[in-house]
Amino acid sequence: MSSVDAFIAMLMNSRTQTHYFHLNTNSYAQHKALEKYYTGIVPLIDAYSETYTKKVKPTPMNKRFMKTPTKISAYFKDMLQRIKKMKLPTDSHMKAIEDDIVALIHKTLYMLKLK
């Protein structure tokens, strides 16, 4: 499995995971922040996948599914660490979309701190 395949699988999993957190939080601010993430990540996944010059291979979804909405920030921080370790394409057009994805994660982390 390539790093790009793993990256896309991780992002697709994050959409589902975040939607689960969204439906189970008792905080309206978290509810809205998570909704912005899971609706915002899908177009970025598409843009990244469609810009990649090779076909994306189906990859098993990550097994890092969390059931506890109290670990939301830890989930996003872990994603950032995993992305840093991946050897992703460095072409400027691919890097720009990756940067947008990382920015969305950082924005979500910021919004999760709001009351």
PDB file of N, CA and C in Angstrom:
ATOM      1  N   MET A   1       0.845  -1.173   0.000  1.00  0.00           N
ATOM      2  CA  MET A   1       0.000   0.000   0.000  1.00  0.00           C
ATOM      3  C   MET A   1       0.893   1.238   0.000  1.00  0.00           C
ATOM      4  N   SER A   2       0.573   2.174  -0.866  1.00  0.00           N
ATOM      5  CA  SER A   2       1.353   3.404  -0.937  1.00  0.00           C
ATOM      6  C   SER A   2       0.961   4.356   0.192  1.00  0.00           C
ATOM      7  N   SER A   3       1.808   5.334   0.432  1.00  0.00           N
ATOM      8  CA  SER A   3       1.493   6.357   1.440  1.00  0.00           C
ATOM      9  C   SER A   3       0.240   7.128   1.051  1.00  0.00           C
ATOM     10  N   VAL A   4       0.065   7.368  -0.242  1.00  0.00           N
ATOM     11  CA  VAL A   4      -1.132   8.098  -0.699  1.00  0.00           C
ATOM     12  C   VAL A   4      -2.386   7.278  -0.411  1.00  0.00           C
ATOM     13  N   ASP A   5      -2.339   5.982  -0.687  1.00  0.00           N
ATOM     14  CA  ASP A   5      -3.487   5.118  -0.403  1.00  0.00           C
ATOM     15  C   ASP A   5      -3.811   5.137   1.101  1.00  0.00           C
ATOM     16  N   ALA A   6      -2.780   5.041   1.931  1.00  0.00           N
ATOM     17  CA  ALA A   6      -2.970   5.059   3.387  1.00  0.00           C
ATOM     18  C   ALA A   6      -3.514   6.411   3.847  1.00  0.00           C
ATOM     19  N   PHE A   7      -3.004   7.495   3.262  1.00  0.00           N
ATOM     20  CA  PHE A   7      -3.454   8.852   3.592  1.00  0.00           C
ATOM     21  C   PHE A   7      -4.940   9.012   3.275  1.00  0.00           C
ATOM     22  N   ILE A   8      -5.333   8.602   2.096  1.00  0.00           N
ATOM     23  CA  ILE A   8      -6.735   8.729   1.682  1.00  0.00           C
ATOM     24  C   ILE A   8      -7.636   7.852   2.554  1.00  0.00           C
ATOM     25  N   ALA A   9      -7.202   6.643   2.862  1.00  0.00           N
ATOM     26  CA  ALA A   9      -7.984   5.761   3.737  1.00  0.00           C
ATOM     27  C   ALA A   9      -8.135   6.386   5.125  1.00  0.00           C
ATOM     28  N   MET A  10      -7.052   6.979   5.648  1.00  0.00           N
ATOM     29  CA  MET A  10      -7.112   7.624   6.956  1.00  0.00           C
ATOM     30  C   MET A  10      -8.119   8.776   6.936  1.00  0.00           C
ATOM     31  N   LEU A  11      -8.094   9.572   5.865  1.00  0.00           N
ATOM     32  CA  LEU A  11      -9.011  10.706   5.767  1.00  0.00           C
ATOM     33  C   LEU A  11     -10.458  10.241   5.628  1.00  0.00           C
ATOM     34  N   MET A  12     -10.675   9.196   4.847  1.00  0.00           N
ATOM     35  CA  MET A  12     -12.032   8.664   4.706  1.00  0.00           C
ATOM     36  C   MET A  12     -12.537   8.129   6.046  1.00  0.00           C
ATOM     37  N   ASN A  13     -11.654   7.469   6.771  1.00  0.00           N
ATOM     38  CA  ASN A  13     -12.020   6.979   8.093  1.00  0.00           C
ATOM     39  C   ASN A  13     -12.322   8.150   9.035  1.00  0.00           C
ATOM     40  N   SER A  14     -11.548   9.226   8.910  1.00  0.00           N
ATOM     41  CA  SER A  14     -11.755  10.381   9.798  1.00  0.00           C
ATOM     42  C   SER A  14     -13.123  11.012   9.571  1.00  0.00           C
ATOM     43  N   ARG A  15     -13.611  10.967   8.338  1.00  0.00           N
ATOM     44  CA  ARG A  15     -14.944  11.496   8.068  1.00  0.00           C
ATOM     45  C   ARG A  15     -16.002  10.721   8.845  1.00  0.00           C
ATOM     46  N   THR A  16     -15.889   9.399   8.818  1.00  0.00           N
ATOM     47  CA  THR A  16     -16.841   8.558   9.534  1.00  0.00           C
ATOM     48  C   THR A  16     -16.672   8.714  11.048  1.00  0.00           C
ATOM     49  N   GLN A  17     -15.434   8.691  11.511  1.00  0.00           N
ATOM     50  CA  GLN A  17     -15.169   8.840  12.938  1.00  0.00           C
ATOM     51  C   GLN A  17     -15.706  10.162  13.456  1.00  0.00           C
ATOM     52  N   THR A  18     -15.470  11.225  12.717  1.00  0.00           N
ATOM     53  CA  THR A  18     -15.902  12.548  13.141  1.00  0.00           C
ATOM     54  C   THR A  18     -17.423  12.648  13.150  1.00  0.00           C
ATOM     55  N   HIS A  19     -18.067  12.018  12.198  1.00  0.00           N
ATOM     56  CA  HIS A  19     -19.534  12.023  12.186  1.00  0.00           C
ATOM     57  C   HIS A  19     -20.063  11.298  13.424  1.00  0.00           C
ATOM     58  N   TYR A  20     -19.403  10.218  13.804  1.00  0.00           N
ATOM     59  CA  TYR A  20     -19.795   9.506  15.029  1.00  0.00           C
ATOM     60  C   TYR A  20     -19.636  10.419  16.243  1.00  0.00           C
ATOM     61  N   PHE A  21     -18.486  11.093  16.358  1.00  0.00           N
ATOM     62  CA  PHE A  21     -18.287  12.037  17.463  1.00  0.00           C
ATOM     63  C   PHE A  21     -19.382  13.106  17.449  1.00  0.00           C
ATOM     64  N   HIS A  22     -19.682  13.636  16.265  1.00  0.00           N
ATOM     65  CA  HIS A  22     -20.692  14.678  16.076  1.00  0.00           C
ATOM     66  C   HIS A  22     -22.051  14.241  16.641  1.00  0.00           C
ATOM     67  N   LEU A  23     -22.415  12.999  16.387  1.00  0.00           N
ATOM     68  CA  LEU A  23     -23.723  12.505  16.829  1.00  0.00           C
ATOM     69  C   LEU A  23     -23.767  12.162  18.310  1.00  0.00           C
ATOM     70  N   ASN A  24     -22.607  12.066  18.950  1.00  0.00           N
ATOM     71  CA  ASN A  24     -22.567  11.623  20.343  1.00  0.00           C
ATOM     72  C   ASN A  24     -22.064  12.658  21.337  1.00  0.00           C
ATOM     73  N   THR A  25     -21.748  13.845  20.878  1.00  0.00           N
ATOM     74  CA  THR A  25     -21.288  14.861  21.810  1.00  0.00           C
ATOM     75  C   THR A  25     -22.479  15.566  22.455  1.00  0.00           C
ATOM     76  N   ASN A  26     -22.277  16.056  23.652  1.00  0.00           N
ATOM     77  CA  ASN A  26     -23.304  16.839  24.348  1.00  0.00           C
ATOM     78  C   ASN A  26     -23.045  18.332  24.220  1.00  0.00           C
ATOM     79  N   SER A  27     -21.997  18.681  23.513  1.00  0.00           N
ATOM     80  CA  SER A  27     -21.616  20.085  23.348  1.00  0.00           C
ATOM     81  C   SER A  27     -22.059  20.585  21.970  1.00  0.00           C
ATOM     82  N   TYR A  28     -22.829  21.670  21.958  1.00  0.00           N
ATOM     83  CA  TYR A  28     -23.268  22.238  20.686  1.00  0.00           C
ATOM     84  C   TYR A  28     -22.072  22.744  19.886  1.00  0.00           C
ATOM     85  N   ALA A  29     -21.112  23.386  20.555  1.00  0.00           N
ATOM     86  CA  ALA A  29     -19.918  23.897  19.863  1.00  0.00           C
ATOM     87  C   ALA A  29     -19.148  22.754  19.201  1.00  0.00           C
ATOM     88  N   GLN A  30     -18.955  21.648  19.917  1.00  0.00           N
ATOM     89  CA  GLN A  30     -18.277  20.488  19.332  1.00  0.00           C
ATOM     90  C   GLN A  30     -19.106  19.915  18.184  1.00  0.00           C
ATOM     91  N   HIS A  31     -20.393  19.844  18.381  1.00  0.00           N
ATOM     92  CA  HIS A  31     -21.300  19.320  17.365  1.00  0.00           C
ATOM     93  C   HIS A  31     -21.106  20.076  16.050  1.00  0.00           C
ATOM     94  N   LYS A  32     -21.087  21.397  16.110  1.00  0.00           N
ATOM     95  CA  LYS A  32     -20.938  22.223  14.913  1.00  0.00           C
ATOM     96  C   LYS A  32     -19.519  22.147  14.341  1.00  0.00           C
ATOM     97  N   ALA A  33     -18.504  22.133  15.199  1.00  0.00           N
ATOM     98  CA  ALA A  33     -17.118  22.038  14.728  1.00  0.00           C
ATOM     99  C   ALA A  33     -16.892  20.730  13.984  1.00  0.00           C
ATOM    100  N   LEU A  34     -17.431  19.663  14.512  1.00  0.00           N
ATOM    101  CA  LEU A  34     -17.272  18.354  13.886  1.00  0.00           C
ATOM    102  C   LEU A  34     -18.037  18.269  12.571  1.00  0.00           C
ATOM    103  N   GLU A  35     -19.196  18.901  12.517  1.00  0.00           N
ATOM    104  CA  GLU A  35     -19.955  18.934  11.266  1.00  0.00           C
ATOM    105  C   GLU A  35     -19.163  19.659  10.175  1.00  0.00           C
ATOM    106  N   LYS A  36     -18.508  20.761  10.539  1.00  0.00           N
ATOM    107  CA  LYS A  36     -17.690  21.494   9.565  1.00  0.00           C
ATOM    108  C   LYS A  36     -16.543  20.617   9.057  1.00  0.00           C
ATOM    109  N   TYR A  37     -15.986  19.793   9.954  1.00  0.00           N
ATOM    110  CA  TYR A  37     -14.902  18.908   9.517  1.00  0.00           C
ATOM    111  C   TYR A  37     -15.420  17.855   8.543  1.00  0.00           C
ATOM    112  N   TYR A  38     -16.446  17.100   8.951  1.00  0.00           N
ATOM    113  CA  TYR A  38     -16.841  15.968   8.093  1.00  0.00           C
ATOM    114  C   TYR A  38     -17.478  16.412   6.793  1.00  0.00           C
ATOM    115  N   THR A  39     -18.032  17.624   6.741  1.00  0.00           N
ATOM    116  CA  THR A  39     -18.528  18.111   5.448  1.00  0.00           C
ATOM    117  C   THR A  39     -17.402  18.751   4.632  1.00  0.00           C
ATOM    118  N   GLY A  40     -16.372  19.248   5.304  1.00  0.00           N
ATOM    119  CA  GLY A  40     -15.256  19.891   4.609  1.00  0.00           C
ATOM    120  C   GLY A  40     -14.200  18.930   4.096  1.00  0.00           C
ATOM    121  N   ILE A  41     -14.062  17.777   4.738  1.00  0.00           N
ATOM    122  CA  ILE A  41     -12.989  16.862   4.359  1.00  0.00           C
ATOM    123  C   ILE A  41     -13.309  16.119   3.055  1.00  0.00           C
ATOM    124  N   VAL A  42     -14.575  15.869   2.775  1.00  0.00           N
ATOM    125  CA  VAL A  42     -14.939  15.091   1.581  1.00  0.00           C
ATOM    126  C   VAL A  42     -14.461  15.767   0.287  1.00  0.00           C
ATOM    127  N   PRO A  43     -14.724  17.068   0.070  1.00  0.00           N
ATOM    128  CA  PRO A  43     -14.217  17.688  -1.158  1.00  0.00           C
ATOM    129  C   PRO A  43     -12.685  17.704  -1.231  1.00  0.00           C
ATOM    130  N   LEU A  44     -12.030  17.787  -0.073  1.00  0.00           N
ATOM    131  CA  LEU A  44     -10.560  17.763  -0.069  1.00  0.00           C
ATOM    132  C   LEU A  44     -10.028  16.371  -0.405  1.00  0.00           C
ATOM    133  N   ILE A  45     -10.694  15.338   0.087  1.00  0.00           N
ATOM    134  CA  ILE A  45     -10.306  13.965  -0.276  1.00  0.00           C
ATOM    135  C   ILE A  45     -10.454  13.786  -1.788  1.00  0.00           C
ATOM    136  N   ASP A  46     -11.570  14.243  -2.317  1.00  0.00           N
ATOM    137  CA  ASP A  46     -11.798  14.137  -3.762  1.00  0.00           C
ATOM    138  C   ASP A  46     -10.726  14.892  -4.540  1.00  0.00           C
ATOM    139  N   ALA A  47     -10.451  16.121  -4.129  1.00  0.00           N
ATOM    140  CA  ALA A  47      -9.453  16.934  -4.831  1.00  0.00           C
ATOM    141  C   ALA A  47      -8.087  16.254  -4.802  1.00  0.00           C
ATOM    142  N   TYR A  48      -7.697  15.743  -3.646  1.00  0.00           N
ATOM    143  CA  TYR A  48      -6.391  15.092  -3.512  1.00  0.00           C
ATOM    144  C   TYR A  48      -6.339  13.837  -4.387  1.00  0.00           C
ATOM    145  N   SER A  49      -7.387  13.016  -4.300  1.00  0.00           N
ATOM    146  CA  SER A  49      -7.432  11.755  -5.053  1.00  0.00           C
ATOM    147  C   SER A  49      -7.446  11.991  -6.554  1.00  0.00           C
ATOM    148  N   GLU A  50      -8.211  12.984  -6.985  1.00  0.00           N
ATOM    149  CA  GLU A  50      -8.347  13.246  -8.416  1.00  0.00           C
ATOM    150  C   GLU A  50      -7.122  13.953  -8.999  1.00  0.00           C
ATOM    151  N   THR A  51      -6.319  14.580  -8.158  1.00  0.00           N
ATOM    152  CA  THR A  51      -5.101  15.250  -8.607  1.00  0.00           C
ATOM    153  C   THR A  51      -3.926  14.281  -8.674  1.00  0.00           C
ATOM    154  N   TYR A  52      -3.998  13.227  -7.889  1.00  0.00           N
ATOM    155  CA  TYR A  52      -2.963  12.199  -7.877  1.00  0.00           C
ATOM    156  C   TYR A  52      -2.924  11.535  -9.257  1.00  0.00           C
ATOM    157  N   THR A  53      -1.758  11.277  -9.796  1.00  0.00           N
ATOM    158  CA  THR A  53      -1.639  10.783 -11.170  1.00  0.00           C
ATOM    159  C   THR A  53      -1.844   9.274 -11.320  1.00  0.00           C
ATOM    160  N   LYS A  54      -2.058   8.574 -10.208  1.00  0.00           N
ATOM    161  CA  LYS A  54      -2.287   7.128 -10.274  1.00  0.00           C
ATOM    162  C   LYS A  54      -3.652   6.817  -9.668  1.00  0.00           C
ATOM    163  N   LYS A  55      -4.173   5.668 -10.002  1.00  0.00           N
ATOM    164  CA  LYS A  55      -5.428   5.230  -9.396  1.00  0.00           C
ATOM    165  C   LYS A  55      -5.201   4.951  -7.920  1.00  0.00           C
ATOM    166  N   VAL A  56      -6.133   5.369  -7.108  1.00  0.00           N
ATOM    167  CA  VAL A  56      -6.072   5.099  -5.674  1.00  0.00           C
ATOM    168  C   VAL A  56      -6.600   3.695  -5.453  1.00  0.00           C
ATOM    169  N   LYS A  57      -5.825   2.888  -4.745  1.00  0.00           N
ATOM    170  CA  LYS A  57      -6.218   1.497  -4.503  1.00  0.00           C
ATOM    171  C   LYS A  57      -7.084   1.407  -3.257  1.00  0.00           C
ATOM    172  N   PRO A  58      -8.122   0.587  -3.314  1.00  0.00           N
ATOM    173  CA  PRO A  58      -8.932   0.378  -2.113  1.00  0.00           C
ATOM    174  C   PRO A  58      -8.034  -0.127  -0.975  1.00  0.00           C
ATOM    175  N   THR A  59      -8.207   0.447   0.171  1.00  0.00           N
ATOM    176  CA  THR A  59      -7.372   0.131   1.325  1.00  0.00           C
ATOM    177  C   THR A  59      -8.280  -0.136   2.514  1.00  0.00           C
ATOM    178  N   PRO A  60      -7.976  -1.163   3.307  1.00  0.00           N
ATOM    179  CA  PRO A  60      -8.806  -1.409   4.499  1.00  0.00           C
ATOM    180  C   PRO A  60      -8.843  -0.151   5.370  1.00  0.00           C
ATOM    181  N   MET A  61      -9.989   0.094   5.933  1.00  0.00           N
ATOM    182  CA  MET A  61     -10.131   1.268   6.796  1.00  0.00           C
ATOM    183  C   MET A  61      -9.297   1.079   8.057  1.00  0.00           C
ATOM    184  N   ASN A  62      -8.911   2.196   8.622  1.00  0.00           N
ATOM    185  CA  ASN A  62      -8.113   2.173   9.852  1.00  0.00           C
ATOM    186  C   ASN A  62      -8.899   1.524  10.985  1.00  0.00           C
ATOM    187  N   LYS A  63      -8.185   0.923  11.910  1.00  0.00           N
ATOM    188  CA  LYS A  63      -8.843   0.290  13.048  1.00  0.00           C
ATOM    189  C   LYS A  63      -8.708   1.159  14.294  1.00  0.00           C
ATOM    190  N   ARG A  64      -8.569   2.461  14.115  1.00  0.00           N
ATOM    191  CA  ARG A  64      -8.399   3.371  15.242  1.00  0.00           C
ATOM    192  C   ARG A  64      -9.722   4.023  15.638  1.00  0.00           C
ATOM    193  N   PHE A  65     -10.816   3.346  15.437  1.00  0.00           N
ATOM    194  CA  PHE A  65     -12.125   3.916  15.730  1.00  0.00           C
ATOM    195  C   PHE A  65     -12.284   4.108  17.231  1.00  0.00           C
ATOM    196  N   MET A  66     -12.693   5.306  17.627  1.00  0.00           N
ATOM    197  CA  MET A  66     -12.880   5.622  19.046  1.00  0.00           C
ATOM    198  C   MET A  66     -14.358   5.788  19.345  1.00  0.00           C
ATOM    199  N   LYS A  67     -14.779   5.277  20.466  1.00  0.00           N
ATOM    200  CA  LYS A  67     -16.187   5.383  20.848  1.00  0.00           C
ATOM    201  C   LYS A  67     -16.425   6.500  21.862  1.00  0.00           C
ATOM    202  N   THR A  68     -15.370   7.072  22.410  1.00  0.00           N
ATOM    203  CA  THR A  68     -15.504   8.061  23.464  1.00  0.00           C
ATOM    204  C   THR A  68     -15.362   9.478  22.926  1.00  0.00           C
ATOM    205  N   PRO A  69     -16.444  10.258  22.909  1.00  0.00           N
ATOM    206  CA  PRO A  69     -16.350  11.624  22.400  1.00  0.00           C
ATOM    207  C   PRO A  69     -15.436  12.534  23.224  1.00  0.00           C
ATOM    208  N   THR A  70     -14.967  12.095  24.369  1.00  0.00           N
ATOM    209  CA  THR A  70     -14.066  12.929  25.172  1.00  0.00           C
ATOM    210  C   THR A  70     -12.641  12.925  24.615  1.00  0.00           C
ATOM    211  N   LYS A  71     -12.350  12.068  23.652  1.00  0.00           N
ATOM    212  CA  LYS A  71     -10.992  11.963  23.102  1.00  0.00           C
ATOM    213  C   LYS A  71     -10.902  12.569  21.701  1.00  0.00           C
ATOM    214  N   ILE A  72     -11.770  13.506  21.403  1.00  0.00           N
ATOM    215  CA  ILE A  72     -11.836  14.081  20.062  1.00  0.00           C
ATOM    216  C   ILE A  72     -10.545  14.813  19.709  1.00  0.00           C
ATOM    217  N   SER A  73     -10.078  15.692  20.582  1.00  0.00           N
ATOM    218  CA  SER A  73      -8.855  16.457  20.291  1.00  0.00           C
ATOM    219  C   SER A  73      -7.665  15.527  20.118  1.00  0.00           C
ATOM    220  N   ALA A  74      -7.582  14.504  20.953  1.00  0.00           N
ATOM    221  CA  ALA A  74      -6.486  13.540  20.842  1.00  0.00           C
ATOM    222  C   ALA A  74      -6.529  12.840  19.485  1.00  0.00           C
ATOM    223  N   TYR A  75      -7.719  12.552  18.996  1.00  0.00           N
ATOM    224  CA  TYR A  75      -7.873  11.908  17.697  1.00  0.00           C
ATOM    225  C   TYR A  75      -7.283  12.784  16.592  1.00  0.00           C
ATOM    226  N   PHE A  76      -7.633  14.078  16.585  1.00  0.00           N
ATOM    227  CA  PHE A  76      -7.129  14.982  15.557  1.00  0.00           C
ATOM    228  C   PHE A  76      -5.622  15.232  15.692  1.00  0.00           C
ATOM    229  N   LYS A  77      -5.128  15.327  16.915  1.00  0.00           N
ATOM    230  CA  LYS A  77      -3.679  15.512  17.118  1.00  0.00           C
ATOM    231  C   LYS A  77      -2.914  14.285  16.625  1.00  0.00           C
ATOM    232  N   ASP A  78      -3.466  13.115  16.849  1.00  0.00           N
ATOM    233  CA  ASP A  78      -2.847  11.886  16.357  1.00  0.00           C
ATOM    234  C   ASP A  78      -2.822  11.880  14.825  1.00  0.00           C
ATOM    235  N   MET A  79      -3.894  12.345  14.207  1.00  0.00           N
ATOM    236  CA  MET A  79      -3.912  12.432  12.741  1.00  0.00           C
ATOM    237  C   MET A  79      -2.785  13.331  12.235  1.00  0.00           C
ATOM    238  N   LEU A  80      -2.594  14.477  12.870  1.00  0.00           N
ATOM    239  CA  LEU A  80      -1.528  15.392  12.449  1.00  0.00           C
ATOM    240  C   LEU A  80      -0.159  14.731  12.545  1.00  0.00           C
ATOM    241  N   GLN A  81       0.073  13.978  13.617  1.00  0.00           N
ATOM    242  CA  GLN A  81       1.351  13.283  13.781  1.00  0.00           C
ATOM    243  C   GLN A  81       1.534  12.215  12.708  1.00  0.00           C
ATOM    244  N   ARG A  82       0.466  11.503  12.404  1.00  0.00           N
ATOM    245  CA  ARG A  82       0.543  10.456  11.380  1.00  0.00           C
ATOM    246  C   ARG A  82       0.817  11.056  10.005  1.00  0.00           C
ATOM    247  N   ILE A  83       0.192  12.184   9.708  1.00  0.00           N
ATOM    248  CA  ILE A  83       0.413  12.841   8.418  1.00  0.00           C
ATOM    249  C   ILE A  83       1.870  13.275   8.290  1.00  0.00           C
ATOM    250  N   LYS A  84       2.436  13.825   9.360  1.00  0.00           N
ATOM    251  CA  LYS A  84       3.843  14.273   9.333  1.00  0.00           C
ATOM    252  C   LYS A  84       4.790  13.127   9.002  1.00  0.00           C
ATOM    253  N   LYS A  85       4.457  11.924   9.437  1.00  0.00           N
ATOM    254  CA  LYS A  85       5.330  10.772   9.231  1.00  0.00           C
ATOM    255  C   LYS A  85       5.181  10.141   7.844  1.00  0.00           C
ATOM    256  N   MET A  86       4.115  10.483   7.139  1.00  0.00           N
ATOM    257  CA  MET A  86       3.868   9.880   5.822  1.00  0.00           C
ATOM    258  C   MET A  86       4.760  10.506   4.756  1.00  0.00           C
ATOM    259  N   LYS A  87       5.178   9.691   3.832  1.00  0.00           N
ATOM    260  CA  LYS A  87       5.969  10.166   2.695  1.00  0.00           C
ATOM    261  C   LYS A  87       5.011  10.423   1.534  1.00  0.00           C
ATOM    262  N   LEU A  88       4.454  11.624   1.530  1.00  0.00           N
ATOM    263  CA  LEU A  88       3.466  12.005   0.528  1.00  0.00           C
ATOM    264  C   LEU A  88       4.127  12.773  -0.601  1.00  0.00           C
ATOM    265  N   PRO A  89       3.487  12.851  -1.762  1.00  0.00           N
ATOM    266  CA  PRO A  89       4.063  13.583  -2.890  1.00  0.00           C
ATOM    267  C   PRO A  89       4.371  15.037  -2.511  1.00  0.00           C
ATOM    268  N   THR A  90       5.463  15.537  -3.071  1.00  0.00           N
ATOM    269  CA  THR A  90       5.888  16.905  -2.758  1.00  0.00           C
ATOM    270  C   THR A  90       5.608  17.886  -3.895  1.00  0.00           C
ATOM    271  N   ASP A  91       4.958  17.418  -4.973  1.00  0.00           N
ATOM    272  CA  ASP A  91       4.578  18.326  -6.058  1.00  0.00           C
ATOM    273  C   ASP A  91       3.758  19.461  -5.446  1.00  0.00           C
ATOM    274  N   SER A  92       3.942  20.664  -5.945  1.00  0.00           N
ATOM    275  CA  SER A  92       3.277  21.820  -5.343  1.00  0.00           C
ATOM    276  C   SER A  92       1.752  21.692  -5.353  1.00  0.00           C
ATOM    277  N   HIS A  93       1.179  21.135  -6.408  1.00  0.00           N
ATOM    278  CA  HIS A  93      -0.280  21.008  -6.471  1.00  0.00           C
ATOM    279  C   HIS A  93      -0.807  19.982  -5.458  1.00  0.00           C
ATOM    280  N   MET A  94      -0.052  18.918  -5.211  1.00  0.00           N
ATOM    281  CA  MET A  94      -0.454  17.921  -4.211  1.00  0.00           C
ATOM    282  C   MET A  94      -0.233  18.466  -2.803  1.00  0.00           C
ATOM    283  N   LYS A  95       0.885  19.136  -2.618  1.00  0.00           N
ATOM    284  CA  LYS A  95       1.220  19.700  -1.313  1.00  0.00           C
ATOM    285  C   LYS A  95       0.194  20.764  -0.909  1.00  0.00           C
ATOM    286  N   ALA A  96      -0.296  21.535  -1.879  1.00  0.00           N
ATOM    287  CA  ALA A  96      -1.284  22.582  -1.578  1.00  0.00           C
ATOM    288  C   ALA A  96      -2.568  21.970  -1.008  1.00  0.00           C
ATOM    289  N   ILE A  97      -3.008  20.866  -1.585  1.00  0.00           N
ATOM    290  CA  ILE A  97      -4.229  20.212  -1.082  1.00  0.00           C
ATOM    291  C   ILE A  97      -3.952  19.591   0.280  1.00  0.00           C
ATOM    292  N   GLU A  98      -2.782  18.976   0.439  1.00  0.00           N
ATOM    293  CA  GLU A  98      -2.408  18.420   1.746  1.00  0.00           C
ATOM    294  C   GLU A  98      -2.414  19.533   2.797  1.00  0.00           C
ATOM    295  N   ASP A  99      -1.880  20.699   2.437  1.00  0.00           N
ATOM    296  CA  ASP A  99      -1.871  21.834   3.368  1.00  0.00           C
ATOM    297  C   ASP A  99      -3.290  22.263   3.741  1.00  0.00           C
ATOM    298  N   ASP A 100      -4.211  22.226   2.779  1.00  0.00           N
ATOM    299  CA  ASP A 100      -5.610  22.558   3.069  1.00  0.00           C
ATOM    300  C   ASP A 100      -6.220  21.547   4.041  1.00  0.00           C
ATOM    301  N   ILE A 101      -5.851  20.288   3.889  1.00  0.00           N
ATOM    302  CA  ILE A 101      -6.339  19.234   4.787  1.00  0.00           C
ATOM    303  C   ILE A 101      -5.796  19.466   6.197  1.00  0.00           C
ATOM    304  N   VAL A 102      -4.514  19.733   6.295  1.00  0.00           N
ATOM    305  CA  VAL A 102      -3.897  19.993   7.606  1.00  0.00           C
ATOM    306  C   VAL A 102      -4.510  21.243   8.231  1.00  0.00           C
ATOM    307  N   ALA A 103      -4.763  22.266   7.422  1.00  0.00           N
ATOM    308  CA  ALA A 103      -5.386  23.494   7.933  1.00  0.00           C
ATOM    309  C   ALA A 103      -6.783  23.197   8.481  1.00  0.00           C
ATOM    310  N   LEU A 104      -7.552  22.345   7.799  1.00  0.00           N
ATOM    311  CA  LEU A 104      -8.882  21.979   8.283  1.00  0.00           C
ATOM    312  C   LEU A 104      -8.788  21.267   9.631  1.00  0.00           C
ATOM    313  N   ILE A 105      -7.812  20.408   9.791  1.00  0.00           N
ATOM    314  CA  ILE A 105      -7.635  19.707  11.072  1.00  0.00           C
ATOM    315  C   ILE A 105      -7.287  20.715  12.165  1.00  0.00           C
ATOM    316  N   HIS A 106      -6.362  21.640  11.885  1.00  0.00           N
ATOM    317  CA  HIS A 106      -5.997  22.658  12.878  1.00  0.00           C
ATOM    318  C   HIS A 106      -7.194  23.550  13.219  1.00  0.00           C
ATOM    319  N   LYS A 107      -7.961  23.932  12.214  1.00  0.00           N
ATOM    320  CA  LYS A 107      -9.148  24.770  12.452  1.00  0.00           C
ATOM    321  C   LYS A 107     -10.142  24.018  13.327  1.00  0.00           C
ATOM    322  N   THR A 108     -10.322  22.727  13.060  1.00  0.00           N
ATOM    323  CA  THR A 108     -11.233  21.915  13.869  1.00  0.00           C
ATOM    324  C   THR A 108     -10.755  21.853  15.315  1.00  0.00           C
ATOM    325  N   LEU A 109      -9.457  21.647  15.514  1.00  0.00           N
ATOM    326  CA  LEU A 109      -8.910  21.626  16.881  1.00  0.00           C
ATOM    327  C   LEU A 109      -9.177  22.947  17.594  1.00  0.00           C
ATOM    328  N   TYR A 110      -9.009  24.060  16.885  1.00  0.00           N
ATOM    329  CA  TYR A 110      -9.277  25.369  17.471  1.00  0.00           C
ATOM    330  C   TYR A 110     -10.762  25.485  17.842  1.00  0.00           C
ATOM    331  N   MET A 111     -11.639  25.122  16.920  1.00  0.00           N
ATOM    332  CA  MET A 111     -13.074  25.243  17.157  1.00  0.00           C
ATOM    333  C   MET A 111     -13.563  24.332  18.276  1.00  0.00           C
ATOM    334  N   LEU A 112     -12.885  23.209  18.482  1.00  0.00           N
ATOM    335  CA  LEU A 112     -13.263  22.303  19.568  1.00  0.00           C
ATOM    336  C   LEU A 112     -13.003  22.919  20.943  1.00  0.00           C
ATOM    337  N   LYS A 113     -12.128  23.932  21.011  1.00  0.00           N
ATOM    338  CA  LYS A 113     -11.832  24.603  22.283  1.00  0.00           C
ATOM    339  C   LYS A 113     -12.890  25.632  22.665  1.00  0.00           C
ATOM    340  N   LEU A 114     -13.721  26.030  21.694  1.00  0.00           N
ATOM    341  CA  LEU A 114     -14.730  27.055  21.945  1.00  0.00           C
ATOM    342  C   LEU A 114     -15.894  26.478  22.735  1.00  0.00           C
ATOM    343  N   LYS A 115     -16.545  27.319  23.489  1.00  0.00           N
ATOM    344  CA  LYS A 115     -17.692  26.882  24.306  1.00  0.00           C
ATOM    345  C   LYS A 115     -18.997  27.259  23.662  1.00  0.00           C
TER     346      LYS A 115
END
